[in-house]
Amino acid sequence: MATDLVIDDELLSEAVRVGKHRTKRATINAALREYVARRRRLKAAKLFGVIDLDPRYDYKADRKKR
């Protein structure tokens, strides 16, 4: 999907240099992957303390079943 974007040239050049990417496209794709991964981690972090765990659950016994 082709999209026209207005991106700060200095920021993009620095990102290419810092990320050691060969192209601007590779830099933007890497940045988008990092953005999505970070958002997913933040979403998962919000679940801490929300999910009730069964104190009788034995993860070691579960591993032996495999």
PDB file of N, CA and C in Angstrom:
ATOM      1  N   MET A   1       0.852  -1.164   0.000  1.00  0.00           N
ATOM      2  CA  MET A   1       0.000   0.000   0.000  1.00  0.00           C
ATOM      3  C   MET A   1       0.903   1.234   0.000  1.00  0.00           C
ATOM      4  N   ALA A   2       0.820   2.017  -1.009  1.00  0.00           N
ATOM      5  CA  ALA A   2       1.617   3.243  -1.103  1.00  0.00           C
ATOM      6  C   ALA A   2       0.932   4.357  -0.324  1.00  0.00           C
ATOM      7  N   THR A   3       1.735   5.077   0.457  1.00  0.00           N
ATOM      8  CA  THR A   3       1.218   6.168   1.261  1.00  0.00           C
ATOM      9  C   THR A   3       2.207   7.310   1.236  1.00  0.00           C
ATOM     10  N   ASP A   4       1.705   8.516   1.071  1.00  0.00           N
ATOM     11  CA  ASP A   4       2.567   9.694   1.128  1.00  0.00           C
ATOM     12  C   ASP A   4       2.565  10.221   2.554  1.00  0.00           C
ATOM     13  N   LEU A   5       3.752  10.391   3.122  1.00  0.00           N
ATOM     14  CA  LEU A   5       3.882  10.885   4.485  1.00  0.00           C
ATOM     15  C   LEU A   5       4.844  12.063   4.512  1.00  0.00           C
ATOM     16  N   VAL A   6       4.585  12.980   5.415  1.00  0.00           N
ATOM     17  CA  VAL A   6       5.504  14.082   5.647  1.00  0.00           C
ATOM     18  C   VAL A   6       6.238  13.752   6.946  1.00  0.00           C
ATOM     19  N   ILE A   7       7.530  13.436   6.811  1.00  0.00           N
ATOM     20  CA  ILE A   7       8.335  13.005   7.956  1.00  0.00           C
ATOM     21  C   ILE A   7       9.518  13.951   8.100  1.00  0.00           C
ATOM     22  N   ASP A   8       9.841  14.274   9.328  1.00  0.00           N
ATOM     23  CA  ASP A   8      10.981  15.132   9.634  1.00  0.00           C
ATOM     24  C   ASP A   8      12.253  14.475   9.091  1.00  0.00           C
ATOM     25  N   ASP A   9      12.895  15.104   8.098  1.00  0.00           N
ATOM     26  CA  ASP A   9      14.076  14.537   7.446  1.00  0.00           C
ATOM     27  C   ASP A   9      15.241  14.338   8.405  1.00  0.00           C
ATOM     28  N   GLU A  10      15.461  15.287   9.294  1.00  0.00           N
ATOM     29  CA  GLU A  10      16.566  15.170  10.241  1.00  0.00           C
ATOM     30  C   GLU A  10      16.338  14.002  11.195  1.00  0.00           C
ATOM     31  N   LEU A  11      15.116  13.864  11.679  1.00  0.00           N
ATOM     32  CA  LEU A  11      14.787  12.771  12.590  1.00  0.00           C
ATOM     33  C   LEU A  11      14.932  11.427  11.894  1.00  0.00           C
ATOM     34  N   LEU A  12      14.464  11.332  10.673  1.00  0.00           N
ATOM     35  CA  LEU A  12      14.564  10.090   9.918  1.00  0.00           C
ATOM     36  C   LEU A  12      16.026   9.744   9.631  1.00  0.00           C
ATOM     37  N   SER A  13      16.823  10.737   9.269  1.00  0.00           N
ATOM     38  CA  SER A  13      18.241  10.493   9.015  1.00  0.00           C
ATOM     39  C   SER A  13      18.951   9.994  10.270  1.00  0.00           C
ATOM     40  N   GLU A  14      18.607  10.585  11.400  1.00  0.00           N
ATOM     41  CA  GLU A  14      19.206  10.143  12.665  1.00  0.00           C
ATOM     42  C   GLU A  14      18.771   8.721  12.996  1.00  0.00           C
ATOM     43  N   ALA A  15      17.496   8.401  12.755  1.00  0.00           N
ATOM     44  CA  ALA A  15      16.995   7.056  13.020  1.00  0.00           C
ATOM     45  C   ALA A  15      17.694   6.023  12.138  1.00  0.00           C
ATOM     46  N   VAL A  16      17.948   6.373  10.878  1.00  0.00           N
ATOM     47  CA  VAL A  16      18.668   5.474   9.966  1.00  0.00           C
ATOM     48  C   VAL A  16      20.069   5.225  10.510  1.00  0.00           C
ATOM     49  N   ARG A  17      20.718   6.286  10.953  1.00  0.00           N
ATOM     50  CA  ARG A  17      22.083   6.178  11.454  1.00  0.00           C
ATOM     51  C   ARG A  17      22.133   5.386  12.756  1.00  0.00           C
ATOM     52  N   VAL A  18      21.277   5.728  13.697  1.00  0.00           N
ATOM     53  CA  VAL A  18      21.285   5.085  15.005  1.00  0.00           C
ATOM     54  C   VAL A  18      20.873   3.615  14.893  1.00  0.00           C
ATOM     55  N   GLY A  19      19.886   3.339  14.059  1.00  0.00           N
ATOM     56  CA  GLY A  19      19.399   1.974  13.892  1.00  0.00           C
ATOM     57  C   GLY A  19      20.252   1.137  12.967  1.00  0.00           C
ATOM     58  N   LYS A  20      21.188   1.787  12.288  1.00  0.00           N
ATOM     59  CA  LYS A  20      22.084   1.114  11.340  1.00  0.00           C
ATOM     60  C   LYS A  20      21.302   0.371  10.255  1.00  0.00           C
ATOM     61  N   HIS A  21      20.242   1.024   9.794  1.00  0.00           N
ATOM     62  CA  HIS A  21      19.439   0.457   8.714  1.00  0.00           C
ATOM     63  C   HIS A  21      20.002   0.929   7.385  1.00  0.00           C
ATOM     64  N   ARG A  22      19.769   0.146   6.352  1.00  0.00           N
ATOM     65  CA  ARG A  22      20.303   0.488   5.035  1.00  0.00           C
ATOM     66  C   ARG A  22      19.413   1.482   4.296  1.00  0.00           C
ATOM     67  N   THR A  23      18.099   1.447   4.604  1.00  0.00           N
ATOM     68  CA  THR A  23      17.168   2.318   3.883  1.00  0.00           C
ATOM     69  C   THR A  23      16.212   3.001   4.847  1.00  0.00           C
ATOM     70  N   LYS A  24      15.585   4.052   4.337  1.00  0.00           N
ATOM     71  CA  LYS A  24      14.565   4.744   5.128  1.00  0.00           C
ATOM     72  C   LYS A  24      13.368   3.829   5.361  1.00  0.00           C
ATOM     73  N   ARG A  25      13.039   3.054   4.344  1.00  0.00           N
ATOM     74  CA  ARG A  25      11.911   2.133   4.454  1.00  0.00           C
ATOM     75  C   ARG A  25      12.147   1.112   5.565  1.00  0.00           C
ATOM     76  N   ALA A  26      13.338   0.549   5.619  1.00  0.00           N
ATOM     77  CA  ALA A  26      13.673  -0.419   6.666  1.00  0.00           C
ATOM     78  C   ALA A  26      13.598   0.242   8.043  1.00  0.00           C
ATOM     79  N   THR A  27      14.026   1.486   8.130  1.00  0.00           N
ATOM     80  CA  THR A  27      13.981   2.224   9.392  1.00  0.00           C
ATOM     81  C   THR A  27      12.545   2.421   9.853  1.00  0.00           C
ATOM     82  N   ILE A  28      11.692   2.840   8.960  1.00  0.00           N
ATOM     83  CA  ILE A  28      10.286   3.085   9.314  1.00  0.00           C
ATOM     84  C   ILE A  28       9.594   1.778   9.685  1.00  0.00           C
ATOM     85  N   ASN A  29       9.865   0.702   8.951  1.00  0.00           N
ATOM     86  CA  ASN A  29       9.253  -0.584   9.284  1.00  0.00           C
ATOM     87  C   ASN A  29       9.718  -1.070  10.661  1.00  0.00           C
ATOM     88  N   ALA A  30      10.989  -0.908  10.965  1.00  0.00           N
ATOM     89  CA  ALA A  30      11.509  -1.304  12.275  1.00  0.00           C
ATOM     90  C   ALA A  30      10.863  -0.462  13.375  1.00  0.00           C
ATOM     91  N   ALA A  31      10.722   0.823  13.130  1.00  0.00           N
ATOM     92  CA  ALA A  31      10.110   1.713  14.115  1.00  0.00           C
ATOM     93  C   ALA A  31       8.655   1.325  14.365  1.00  0.00           C
ATOM     94  N   LEU A  32       7.940   0.974  13.324  1.00  0.00           N
ATOM     95  CA  LEU A  32       6.542   0.561  13.481  1.00  0.00           C
ATOM     96  C   LEU A  32       6.438  -0.756  14.241  1.00  0.00           C
ATOM     97  N   ARG A  33       7.347  -1.705  13.958  1.00  0.00           N
ATOM     98  CA  ARG A  33       7.343  -2.974  14.698  1.00  0.00           C
ATOM     99  C   ARG A  33       7.612  -2.728  16.180  1.00  0.00           C
ATOM    100  N   GLU A  34       8.582  -1.863  16.479  1.00  0.00           N
ATOM    101  CA  GLU A  34       8.891  -1.542  17.874  1.00  0.00           C
ATOM    102  C   GLU A  34       7.707  -0.862  18.561  1.00  0.00           C
ATOM    103  N   TYR A  35       7.038   0.025  17.847  1.00  0.00           N
ATOM    104  CA  TYR A  35       5.867   0.727  18.391  1.00  0.00           C
ATOM    105  C   TYR A  35       4.763  -0.259  18.753  1.00  0.00           C
ATOM    106  N   VAL A  36       4.457  -1.174  17.826  1.00  0.00           N
ATOM    107  CA  VAL A  36       3.403  -2.156  18.059  1.00  0.00           C
ATOM    108  C   VAL A  36       3.782  -3.075  19.223  1.00  0.00           C
ATOM    109  N   ALA A  37       5.023  -3.529  19.264  1.00  0.00           N
ATOM    110  CA  ALA A  37       5.470  -4.408  20.347  1.00  0.00           C
ATOM    111  C   ALA A  37       5.372  -3.699  21.693  1.00  0.00           C
ATOM    112  N   ARG A  38       5.748  -2.442  21.732  1.00  0.00           N
ATOM    113  CA  ARG A  38       5.678  -1.686  22.990  1.00  0.00           C
ATOM    114  C   ARG A  38       4.235  -1.538  23.458  1.00  0.00           C
ATOM    115  N   ARG A  39       3.343  -1.226  22.539  1.00  0.00           N
ATOM    116  CA  ARG A  39       1.933  -1.079  22.900  1.00  0.00           C
ATOM    117  C   ARG A  39       1.352  -2.398  23.415  1.00  0.00           C
ATOM    118  N   ARG A  40       1.766  -3.514  22.799  1.00  0.00           N
ATOM    119  CA  ARG A  40       1.284  -4.816  23.266  1.00  0.00           C
ATOM    120  C   ARG A  40       1.808  -5.111  24.670  1.00  0.00           C
ATOM    121  N   ARG A  41       3.068  -4.762  24.938  1.00  0.00           N
ATOM    122  CA  ARG A  41       3.629  -4.974  26.275  1.00  0.00           C
ATOM    123  C   ARG A  41       2.890  -4.120  27.302  1.00  0.00           C
ATOM    124  N   LEU A  42       2.595  -2.879  26.952  1.00  0.00           N
ATOM    125  CA  LEU A  42       1.864  -2.011  27.871  1.00  0.00           C
ATOM    126  C   LEU A  42       0.476  -2.559  28.163  1.00  0.00           C
ATOM    127  N   LYS A  43      -0.164  -3.090  27.133  1.00  0.00           N
ATOM    128  CA  LYS A  43      -1.495  -3.673  27.309  1.00  0.00           C
ATOM    129  C   LYS A  43      -1.423  -4.894  28.226  1.00  0.00           C
ATOM    130  N   ALA A  44      -0.404  -5.723  28.038  1.00  0.00           N
ATOM    131  CA  ALA A  44      -0.231  -6.906  28.886  1.00  0.00           C
ATOM    132  C   ALA A  44       0.107  -6.500  30.316  1.00  0.00           C
ATOM    133  N   ALA A  45       0.893  -5.453  30.483  1.00  0.00           N
ATOM    134  CA  ALA A  45       1.288  -5.007  31.822  1.00  0.00           C
ATOM    135  C   ALA A  45       0.083  -4.541  32.631  1.00  0.00           C
ATOM    136  N   LYS A  46      -0.924  -4.028  31.955  1.00  0.00           N
ATOM    137  CA  LYS A  46      -2.131  -3.578  32.656  1.00  0.00           C
ATOM    138  C   LYS A  46      -2.892  -4.744  33.279  1.00  0.00           C
ATOM    139  N   LEU A  47      -2.633  -5.958  32.808  1.00  0.00           N
ATOM    140  CA  LEU A  47      -3.334  -7.132  33.327  1.00  0.00           C
ATOM    141  C   LEU A  47      -2.738  -7.639  34.636  1.00  0.00           C
ATOM    142  N   PHE A  48      -1.529  -7.189  34.996  1.00  0.00           N
ATOM    143  CA  PHE A  48      -0.914  -7.634  36.240  1.00  0.00           C
ATOM    144  C   PHE A  48      -1.804  -7.258  37.415  1.00  0.00           C
ATOM    145  N   GLY A  49      -2.089  -8.249  38.234  1.00  0.00           N
ATOM    146  CA  GLY A  49      -2.929  -8.024  39.391  1.00  0.00           C
ATOM    147  C   GLY A  49      -4.411  -8.131  39.093  1.00  0.00           C
ATOM    148  N   VAL A  50      -4.772  -8.297  37.831  1.00  0.00           N
ATOM    149  CA  VAL A  50      -6.178  -8.370  37.443  1.00  0.00           C
ATOM    150  C   VAL A  50      -6.628  -9.826  37.320  1.00  0.00           C
ATOM    151  N   ILE A  51      -5.735 -10.672  36.840  1.00  0.00           N
ATOM    152  CA  ILE A  51      -6.071 -12.069  36.607  1.00  0.00           C
ATOM    153  C   ILE A  51      -5.862 -12.849  37.904  1.00  0.00           C
ATOM    154  N   ASP A  52      -6.880 -13.608  38.296  1.00  0.00           N
ATOM    155  CA  ASP A  52      -6.775 -14.442  39.487  1.00  0.00           C
ATOM    156  C   ASP A  52      -6.057 -15.737  39.130  1.00  0.00           C
ATOM    157  N   LEU A  53      -5.060 -16.065  39.918  1.00  0.00           N
ATOM    158  CA  LEU A  53      -4.309 -17.287  39.694  1.00  0.00           C
ATOM    159  C   LEU A  53      -4.741 -18.346  40.695  1.00  0.00           C
ATOM    160  N   ASP A  54      -4.752 -19.596  40.249  1.00  0.00           N
ATOM    161  CA  ASP A  54      -5.096 -20.712  41.117  1.00  0.00           C
ATOM    162  C   ASP A  54      -3.849 -21.103  41.914  1.00  0.00           C
ATOM    163  N   PRO A  55      -3.860 -20.977  43.223  1.00  0.00           N
ATOM    164  CA  PRO A  55      -2.674 -21.288  44.019  1.00  0.00           C
ATOM    165  C   PRO A  55      -2.320 -22.776  43.982  1.00  0.00           C
ATOM    166  N   ARG A  56      -3.239 -23.611  43.555  1.00  0.00           N
ATOM    167  CA  ARG A  56      -2.973 -25.055  43.475  1.00  0.00           C
ATOM    168  C   ARG A  56      -2.316 -25.446  42.165  1.00  0.00           C
ATOM    169  N   TYR A  57      -2.234 -24.522  41.204  1.00  0.00           N
ATOM    170  CA  TYR A  57      -1.659 -24.826  39.901  1.00  0.00           C
ATOM    171  C   TYR A  57      -0.170 -25.112  40.041  1.00  0.00           C
ATOM    172  N   ASP A  58       0.259 -26.245  39.480  1.00  0.00           N
ATOM    173  CA  ASP A  58       1.658 -26.657  39.545  1.00  0.00           C
ATOM    174  C   ASP A  58       2.231 -26.658  38.132  1.00  0.00           C
ATOM    175  N   TYR A  59       2.963 -25.599  37.796  1.00  0.00           N
ATOM    176  CA  TYR A  59       3.487 -25.482  36.437  1.00  0.00           C
ATOM    177  C   TYR A  59       4.532 -26.553  36.142  1.00  0.00           C
ATOM    178  N   LYS A  60       5.230 -27.022  37.168  1.00  0.00           N
ATOM    179  CA  LYS A  60       6.238 -28.070  36.946  1.00  0.00           C
ATOM    180  C   LYS A  60       5.569 -29.390  36.555  1.00  0.00           C
ATOM    181  N   ALA A  61       4.477 -29.708  37.186  1.00  0.00           N
ATOM    182  CA  ALA A  61       3.742 -30.923  36.842  1.00  0.00           C
ATOM    183  C   ALA A  61       3.176 -30.804  35.434  1.00  0.00           C
ATOM    184  N   ASP A  62       2.742 -29.625  35.054  1.00  0.00           N
ATOM    185  CA  ASP A  62       2.205 -29.397  33.715  1.00  0.00           C
ATOM    186  C   ASP A  62       3.285 -29.595  32.655  1.00  0.00           C
ATOM    187  N   ARG A  63       4.504 -29.202  32.952  1.00  0.00           N
ATOM    188  CA  ARG A  63       5.608 -29.382  32.011  1.00  0.00           C
ATOM    189  C   ARG A  63       5.897 -30.871  31.778  1.00  0.00           C
ATOM    190  N   LYS A  64       5.785 -31.680  32.815  1.00  0.00           N
ATOM    191  CA  LYS A  64       6.078 -33.104  32.696  1.00  0.00           C
ATOM    192  C   LYS A  64       5.093 -33.809  31.786  1.00  0.00           C
ATOM    193  N   LYS A  65       3.893 -33.269  31.651  1.00  0.00           N
ATOM    194  CA  LYS A  65       2.873 -33.880  30.813  1.00  0.00           C
ATOM    195  C   LYS A  65       3.238 -33.788  29.335  1.00  0.00           C
ATOM    196  N   ARG A  66       4.061 -32.860  28.962  1.00  0.00           N
ATOM    197  CA  ARG A  66       4.398 -32.660  27.542  1.00  0.00           C
ATOM    198  C   ARG A  66       5.377 -33.639  27.076  1.00  0.00           C
TER     199      ARG A  66
END
